[in-house]
Amino acid sequence: MELYTLLRHFADSWMLLFLFLFFVGIVLWVFRPGSSKTYADTADIPFRNADKPAQAEETGK
């Protein structure tokens, strides 16, 4: 059996199954019960300094 044919059969069967299970695992990890607080905090990053600009660090000039 040629290497190409062997790799093609592997990609069509086992790799497809592996990637599907990986996708399902990622989806379950994202929607796990404790993750909503983490994602809400991350989503609020652009609005943390909405009232006033962030203080510039002293550059020594």
Protein backbone atom coordinates (compact mmCIF):
# COMPACT_ATOMS: atom_id res chain seq x y z
CA MET A 1 0.00 0.00 0.00
CA GLU A 2 1.33 3.40 -0.88
CA LEU A 3 2.04 5.91 1.84
CA TYR A 4 -0.39 8.40 0.33
CA THR A 5 -3.22 5.86 0.33
CA LEU A 6 -2.47 4.85 3.90
CA LEU A 7 -2.47 8.46 5.08
CA ARG A 8 -5.63 9.19 3.11
CA HIS A 9 -7.51 6.32 4.78
CA PHE A 10 -6.24 7.43 8.19
CA ALA A 11 -7.34 11.02 7.58
CA ASP A 12 -10.76 9.91 6.36
CA SER A 13 -11.48 7.74 9.38
CA TRP A 14 -9.55 8.21 12.61
CA MET A 15 -8.43 11.79 12.17
CA LEU A 16 -11.97 12.85 11.34
CA LEU A 17 -13.20 11.18 14.52
CA PHE A 18 -10.39 12.75 16.57
CA LEU A 19 -11.06 16.26 15.26
CA PHE A 20 -14.80 15.91 15.84
CA LEU A 21 -14.22 14.81 19.45
CA PHE A 22 -11.74 17.66 19.90
CA PHE A 23 -14.35 20.14 18.65
CA VAL A 24 -17.02 18.76 20.98
CA GLY A 25 -14.57 18.93 23.89
CA ILE A 26 -13.77 22.58 23.17
CA VAL A 27 -17.46 23.47 22.95
CA LEU A 28 -18.18 21.72 26.26
CA TRP A 29 -15.19 23.47 27.87
CA VAL A 30 -16.35 26.90 26.69
CA PHE A 31 -19.90 26.40 27.95
CA ARG A 32 -18.94 24.85 31.29
CA PRO A 33 -20.85 26.22 34.31
CA GLY A 34 -18.05 28.28 35.87
CA SER A 35 -16.83 30.02 32.74
CA SER A 36 -19.40 32.79 32.42
CA LYS A 37 -17.70 34.99 35.06
CA THR A 38 -14.35 34.65 33.30
CA TYR A 39 -15.79 35.55 29.92
CA ALA A 40 -17.78 38.47 31.35
CA ASP A 41 -14.60 39.87 32.91
CA THR A 42 -12.72 39.47 29.63
CA ALA A 43 -15.53 41.13 27.69
CA ASP A 44 -15.37 44.21 29.96
CA ILE A 45 -11.66 44.92 29.35
CA PRO A 46 -12.28 47.72 26.79
CA PHE A 47 -14.61 49.52 29.22
CA ARG A 48 -12.45 49.45 32.36
CA ASN A 49 -11.27 53.04 31.86
CA ALA A 50 -14.48 54.39 30.35
CA ASP A 51 -14.86 57.20 32.92
CA LYS A 52 -11.42 58.71 32.41
CA PRO A 53 -8.33 57.79 30.42
CA ALA A 54 -5.85 55.45 32.01
CA GLN A 55 -2.96 57.17 33.75
CA ALA A 56 0.13 57.34 31.56
CA GLU A 57 3.25 55.88 33.09
CA GLU A 58 6.09 58.27 33.76
CA THR A 59 8.55 58.05 30.88
CA GLY A 60 11.23 60.17 32.57
CA LYS A 61 10.88 63.14 30.18
